[in-house]
N, C-alpha and C. Protein backbone atom coordinates (compact mmCIF):
# COMPACT_ATOMS: atom_id res chain seq x y z
N MET A 1 1.85 -13.69 -21.82
CA MET A 1 3.33 -14.43 -21.29
C MET A 1 3.19 -15.57 -21.36
N SER A 2 4.55 -15.73 -21.62
CA SER A 2 4.94 -17.95 -21.72
C SER A 2 4.02 -18.23 -20.87
N SER A 3 4.11 -19.44 -20.99
CA SER A 3 3.72 -20.68 -20.68
C SER A 3 4.95 -21.02 -19.48
N PRO A 4 6.05 -21.07 -19.32
CA PRO A 4 7.09 -21.08 -18.22
C PRO A 4 6.53 -19.74 -16.97
N THR A 5 6.13 -18.84 -17.35
CA THR A 5 6.11 -17.13 -16.69
C THR A 5 4.50 -17.52 -16.07
N LEU A 6 4.00 -17.83 -16.92
CA LEU A 6 2.34 -18.95 -16.07
C LEU A 6 2.74 -19.18 -14.59
N GLU A 7 3.66 -20.88 -15.31
CA GLU A 7 4.00 -21.41 -14.15
C GLU A 7 4.34 -21.16 -13.33
N SER A 8 5.30 -20.44 -13.13
CA SER A 8 6.19 -20.06 -12.20
C SER A 8 4.83 -18.94 -11.23
N ALA A 9 4.31 -17.93 -11.97
CA ALA A 9 3.67 -17.27 -11.34
C ALA A 9 2.28 -18.05 -10.39
N LEU A 10 2.03 -19.22 -11.26
CA LEU A 10 0.89 -19.86 -10.24
C LEU A 10 1.87 -20.82 -9.32
N SER A 11 3.29 -20.99 -9.46
CA SER A 11 3.11 -21.95 -8.59
C SER A 11 3.99 -21.41 -7.29
N GLN A 12 4.19 -19.13 -7.05
CA GLN A 12 4.47 -18.62 -6.71
C GLN A 12 3.07 -18.33 -5.84
N MET A 13 2.03 -18.46 -6.23
CA MET A 13 0.76 -18.02 -5.82
C MET A 13 0.58 -19.13 -4.86
N GLN A 14 0.79 -20.31 -5.34
CA GLN A 14 0.11 -21.44 -4.79
C GLN A 14 1.02 -21.66 -3.45
N SER A 15 2.73 -21.45 -3.41
CA SER A 15 3.14 -21.17 -2.23
C SER A 15 3.08 -19.87 -0.96
N LEU A 16 2.57 -18.95 -1.66
CA LEU A 16 1.90 -17.95 -1.11
C LEU A 16 0.69 -18.14 -0.12
N ALA A 17 -0.21 -18.70 -0.60
CA ALA A 17 -1.30 -19.23 -0.14
C ALA A 17 -1.06 -20.35 0.88
N SER A 18 -0.05 -21.13 0.72
CA SER A 18 -0.16 -22.07 1.64
C SER A 18 0.36 -21.94 2.80
N GLN A 19 1.45 -21.16 2.81
CA GLN A 19 2.28 -20.14 3.52
C GLN A 19 1.07 -19.08 3.79
N ALA A 20 0.27 -18.94 3.80
CA ALA A 20 -0.52 -17.28 4.05
C ALA A 20 -1.89 -18.72 5.42
N ALA A 21 -1.28 -20.13 4.97
CA ALA A 21 -3.04 -20.66 5.04
C ALA A 21 -1.83 -21.57 6.86
N GLY A 22 -0.90 -21.18 6.93
CA GLY A 22 0.01 -21.97 7.98
C GLY A 22 1.00 -23.05 7.21
N GLN A 23 0.68 -23.08 6.05
CA GLN A 23 1.65 -24.43 5.87
C GLN A 23 2.42 -24.52 5.99
N SER A 24 3.62 -25.15 6.02
CA SER A 24 4.78 -25.26 5.46
C SER A 24 5.06 -26.24 4.20
N SER A 25 6.03 -24.92 3.17
CA SER A 25 5.97 -25.56 2.07
C SER A 25 6.91 -26.36 1.42
N LYS A 26 7.89 -27.33 2.70
CA LYS A 26 8.78 -27.88 2.96
C LYS A 26 8.30 -29.45 2.78
N GLY A 27 8.69 -30.26 1.92
CA GLY A 27 8.30 -31.33 1.43
C GLY A 27 6.77 -31.36 0.26
N GLN A 28 6.10 -30.05 0.30
CA GLN A 28 5.31 -30.32 -0.84
C GLN A 28 5.89 -29.89 -2.34
N HIS A 29 4.69 -30.97 -3.09
CA HIS A 29 4.98 -30.96 -4.26
C HIS A 29 4.10 -30.27 -5.29
N LEU A 30 4.50 -29.12 -5.93
CA LEU A 30 2.75 -29.20 -6.83
C LEU A 30 3.32 -29.44 -8.22
N SER A 31 1.99 -29.07 -8.67
CA SER A 31 1.77 -30.03 -10.10
C SER A 31 1.71 -29.16 -10.79
N THR A 32 2.25 -29.24 -11.74
CA THR A 32 2.69 -27.89 -12.75
C THR A 32 2.12 -28.45 -14.17
N THR A 33 1.48 -29.59 -14.08
CA THR A 33 1.24 -30.54 -15.73
C THR A 33 0.07 -30.01 -16.14
N VAL A 34 -0.10 -29.63 -17.67
CA VAL A 34 -1.56 -29.26 -17.84
C VAL A 34 -2.10 -30.27 -18.01
N GLY A 35 -3.71 -29.92 -18.07
CA GLY A 35 -4.80 -30.95 -18.44
C GLY A 35 -5.26 -31.58 -16.91
N GLU A 36 -4.33 -31.73 -15.95
CA GLU A 36 -4.31 -31.94 -14.81
C GLU A 36 -5.38 -31.00 -13.61
N GLY A 37 -6.76 -30.76 -13.90
CA GLY A 37 -7.56 -29.96 -12.66
C GLY A 37 -7.40 -28.38 -13.44
N GLY A 38 -6.25 -27.68 -13.70
CA GLY A 38 -5.95 -26.56 -14.94
C GLY A 38 -5.94 -25.75 -14.15
N PHE A 39 -5.25 -24.42 -15.15
CA PHE A 39 -5.50 -23.34 -13.83
C PHE A 39 -6.81 -22.59 -13.81
N VAL A 40 -7.82 -22.83 -14.07
CA VAL A 40 -9.15 -22.36 -13.21
C VAL A 40 -9.57 -23.07 -12.18
N ASP A 41 -9.48 -24.42 -11.93
CA ASP A 41 -9.37 -24.90 -10.90
C ASP A 41 -9.10 -24.77 -9.91
N GLU A 42 -7.23 -24.14 -10.44
CA GLU A 42 -6.33 -23.54 -9.27
C GLU A 42 -6.99 -22.12 -8.58
N LEU A 43 -6.74 -21.60 -9.89
CA LEU A 43 -7.45 -20.51 -9.61
C LEU A 43 -8.44 -20.09 -8.70
N GLN A 44 -9.79 -20.84 -8.50
CA GLN A 44 -11.07 -21.23 -7.87
C GLN A 44 -10.57 -21.74 -6.51
N THR A 45 -9.85 -22.60 -6.35
CA THR A 45 -9.16 -22.88 -5.11
C THR A 45 -8.42 -22.11 -4.11
N SER A 46 -7.38 -21.16 -4.86
CA SER A 46 -7.00 -20.48 -4.05
C SER A 46 -7.84 -19.23 -3.61
N ILE A 47 -8.81 -18.52 -4.55
CA ILE A 47 -10.00 -17.81 -4.20
C ILE A 47 -10.77 -18.72 -2.89
N GLU A 48 -10.80 -19.32 -3.03
CA GLU A 48 -11.38 -20.08 -1.50
C GLU A 48 -10.37 -20.12 -0.11
N ARG A 49 -9.94 -20.13 -0.39
CA ARG A 49 -8.46 -20.21 0.66
C ARG A 49 -8.89 -19.00 0.98
N ILE A 50 -8.34 -17.46 0.42
CA ILE A 50 -8.74 -16.33 0.80
C ILE A 50 -10.08 -15.87 1.44
N ASN A 51 -10.86 -16.54 1.25
CA ASN A 51 -12.43 -16.42 1.74
C ASN A 51 -12.14 -17.48 2.60
N THR A 52 -12.27 -18.32 3.13
CA THR A 52 -11.78 -19.31 4.22
C THR A 52 -11.14 -17.99 5.41
N LEU A 53 -9.42 -18.00 4.92
CA LEU A 53 -9.27 -17.50 5.98
C LEU A 53 -9.59 -15.85 6.37
N LYS A 54 -10.36 -15.19 5.61
CA LYS A 54 -11.28 -13.73 6.12
C LYS A 54 -11.93 -14.45 6.91
N GLN A 55 -13.15 -15.57 6.43
CA GLN A 55 -13.95 -16.29 7.66
C GLN A 55 -13.28 -16.27 8.72
N GLU A 56 -12.23 -17.45 8.68
CA GLU A 56 -11.56 -17.22 10.20
C GLU A 56 -11.24 -16.44 10.76
N ALA A 57 -10.76 -15.30 10.26
CA ALA A 57 -10.08 -13.94 11.37
C ALA A 57 -11.54 -13.61 11.48
N ALA A 58 -12.28 -13.25 10.70
CA ALA A 58 -14.09 -12.34 11.45
C ALA A 58 -14.17 -13.25 12.52
N GLU A 59 -14.14 -14.55 12.44
CA GLU A 59 -14.40 -15.46 13.30
C GLU A 59 -14.29 -15.37 14.67
N LYS A 60 -13.00 -15.10 14.34
CA LYS A 60 -11.58 -14.94 15.83
C LYS A 60 -12.07 -13.74 16.25
N THR A 61 -11.91 -12.28 15.59
CA THR A 61 -12.45 -11.23 15.57
C THR A 61 -13.48 -10.98 16.86
N ARG A 62 -14.60 -11.70 16.05
CA ARG A 62 -15.78 -11.43 17.25
C ARG A 62 -15.87 -12.52 18.79
N ASP A 63 -15.31 -13.68 18.57
CA ASP A 63 -15.31 -14.34 19.66
C ASP A 63 -14.12 -13.80 20.42
N PHE A 64 -12.76 -12.78 20.39
CA PHE A 64 -12.74 -12.01 20.92
C PHE A 64 -12.88 -11.35 21.80
N GLN A 65 -13.82 -10.04 20.62
CA GLN A 65 -14.77 -9.50 21.07
C GLN A 65 -15.92 -9.38 22.34
N ALA A 66 -16.15 -10.30 21.88
CA ALA A 66 -17.49 -11.29 22.79
C ALA A 66 -16.75 -11.81 24.37
N GLY A 67 -15.41 -11.80 24.03
CA GLY A 67 -14.84 -12.55 25.28
C GLY A 67 -14.73 -14.19 25.86
N LYS A 68 -14.49 -14.46 24.82
CA LYS A 68 -14.91 -15.66 24.44
C LYS A 68 -13.81 -16.47 25.37
N PRO A 69 -13.42 -17.46 26.17
CA PRO A 69 -12.10 -18.02 26.66
C PRO A 69 -11.44 -18.92 25.76
N GLY A 70 -9.87 -18.39 26.05
CA GLY A 70 -8.94 -19.22 25.07
C GLY A 70 -8.99 -18.71 23.58
N VAL A 71 -9.06 -17.21 23.27
CA VAL A 71 -8.87 -16.27 22.51
C VAL A 71 -8.36 -15.74 22.66
N GLU A 72 -7.14 -15.09 22.25
CA GLU A 72 -6.03 -14.41 22.35
C GLU A 72 -5.77 -13.30 21.16
N LEU A 73 -5.56 -12.44 22.05
CA LEU A 73 -5.31 -10.87 20.72
C LEU A 73 -4.13 -11.11 19.87
N ASP A 74 -3.23 -12.11 20.44
CA ASP A 74 -2.27 -11.99 19.87
C ASP A 74 -2.61 -13.34 17.95
N ASP A 75 -3.13 -14.23 18.92
CA ASP A 75 -4.26 -14.86 17.63
C ASP A 75 -4.89 -14.04 16.38
N VAL A 76 -5.50 -13.28 16.93
CA VAL A 76 -6.73 -13.15 16.66
C VAL A 76 -6.16 -11.96 15.58
N MET A 77 -4.59 -11.68 15.70
CA MET A 77 -3.76 -10.25 15.24
C MET A 77 -3.28 -11.23 14.01
N VAL A 78 -3.09 -11.79 14.08
CA VAL A 78 -2.14 -13.29 13.17
C VAL A 78 -3.13 -13.42 12.44
N ASP A 79 -4.41 -13.87 12.64
CA ASP A 79 -5.03 -14.52 11.73
C ASP A 79 -6.00 -13.16 11.26
N VAL A 80 -5.84 -11.93 11.04
CA VAL A 80 -6.05 -11.30 10.48
C VAL A 80 -5.01 -10.70 9.51
N GLN A 81 -3.98 -10.89 9.69
CA GLN A 81 -2.64 -10.40 8.65
C GLN A 81 -2.97 -11.30 7.60
N LYS A 82 -3.22 -12.58 8.14
CA LYS A 82 -2.74 -13.74 7.41
C LYS A 82 -3.97 -13.05 6.23
N ALA A 83 -5.07 -13.21 6.82
CA ALA A 83 -6.17 -12.83 5.65
C ALA A 83 -5.59 -11.77 4.95
N SER A 84 -5.49 -10.69 5.90
CA SER A 84 -4.84 -9.18 4.79
C SER A 84 -4.36 -9.73 3.98
N VAL A 85 -2.90 -10.46 4.16
CA VAL A 85 -1.32 -10.56 3.20
C VAL A 85 -2.26 -11.64 1.91
N ALA A 86 -3.22 -12.89 2.42
CA ALA A 86 -4.12 -13.13 1.13
C ALA A 86 -4.89 -13.06 0.42
N PHE A 87 -5.25 -11.76 0.60
CA PHE A 87 -6.38 -10.73 0.21
C PHE A 87 -5.32 -10.11 -0.71
N GLU A 88 -4.11 -9.51 -0.35
CA GLU A 88 -3.80 -8.49 -1.10
C GLU A 88 -2.94 -9.42 -2.28
N MET A 89 -2.65 -10.22 -1.97
CA MET A 89 -1.70 -11.38 -2.96
C MET A 89 -2.77 -11.67 -4.37
N GLY A 90 -4.12 -11.79 -3.54
CA GLY A 90 -5.47 -12.21 -4.69
C GLY A 90 -5.40 -11.00 -5.60
N LYS A 91 -5.68 -10.04 -5.18
CA LYS A 91 -5.30 -8.61 -5.83
C LYS A 91 -4.03 -8.49 -7.05
N GLN A 92 -3.00 -8.73 -6.32
CA GLN A 92 -2.15 -8.35 -6.95
C GLN A 92 -2.02 -9.80 -8.19
N VAL A 93 -2.53 -10.78 -8.08
CA VAL A 93 -2.72 -11.76 -8.64
C VAL A 93 -3.62 -11.52 -10.42
N ARG A 94 -5.38 -10.87 -10.05
CA ARG A 94 -5.46 -10.60 -10.55
C ARG A 94 -5.52 -9.49 -11.37
N SER A 95 -4.81 -8.09 -11.05
CA SER A 95 -4.12 -7.32 -11.75
C SER A 95 -3.60 -7.68 -13.04
N ARG A 96 -2.35 -8.93 -12.80
CA ARG A 96 -1.86 -9.45 -13.49
C ARG A 96 -2.56 -10.28 -14.46
N LEU A 97 -3.44 -10.92 -14.10
CA LEU A 97 -3.97 -11.78 -15.18
C LEU A 97 -5.03 -10.66 -16.28
N VAL A 98 -5.64 -9.64 -15.32
CA VAL A 98 -6.16 -8.71 -16.29
C VAL A 98 -4.87 -8.07 -17.00
N SER A 99 -3.93 -7.65 -17.40
CA SER A 99 -2.87 -6.68 -17.68
C SER A 99 -2.31 -7.94 -18.90
N ALA A 100 -2.09 -9.23 -18.08
CA ALA A 100 -2.14 -10.31 -19.42
C ALA A 100 -3.04 -10.47 -20.05
N TYR A 101 -4.31 -9.96 -20.05
CA TYR A 101 -5.69 -10.52 -21.08
C TYR A 101 -5.28 -9.28 -22.35
N LYS A 102 -4.89 -8.16 -21.55
CA LYS A 102 -5.02 -6.71 -22.28
C LYS A 102 -4.36 -7.00 -23.33
N ASP A 103 -2.79 -7.68 -23.08
CA ASP A 103 -1.58 -7.71 -24.09
C ASP A 103 -2.07 -8.44 -24.69
N VAL A 104 -2.64 -9.75 -23.97
CA VAL A 104 -3.42 -10.68 -25.74
C VAL A 104 -3.88 -10.20 -26.31
N MET A 105 -5.66 -9.51 -25.82
CA MET A 105 -6.08 -8.97 -26.99
C MET A 105 -5.36 -7.97 -27.20
N ASN A 106 -4.54 -6.99 -27.11
CA ASN A 106 -3.86 -6.12 -27.73
C ASN A 106 -3.24 -6.14 -29.08
N MET A 107 -3.04 -7.75 -29.47
CA MET A 107 -1.66 -8.14 -30.16
C MET A 107 -2.38 -8.22 -31.65
N ARG A 108 -1.44 -8.03 -32.22
CA ARG A 108 -1.67 -8.44 -33.76
C ARG A 108 -1.40 -9.32 -34.39
N VAL A 109 -2.65 -10.49 -34.90
CA VAL A 109 -2.50 -11.27 -35.59
C VAL A 109 -2.18 -11.29 -37.27
């Protein structure tokens, strides 16, 4: 994969992660500079966001099942769906990274 392709994939992943977290992508500036944080840091941050969404959804589900006041079914369903979409995105990114790694390793030098 070329550098612009990786930057594009990273940009899309960050955009989807922020949308899954309920943030608006309007007015946000995504840094694509090399050497500032790096790809590994961005990947780690995305994985942490996915984990946080999953934990929040599980907590809201438990609260709803326990009958805690102020926890509505529609809020629980939205949070569970956000966590599901974020997890699926993470799986797709992982699959593409593994595929790219295999392509690089199979290149002849």
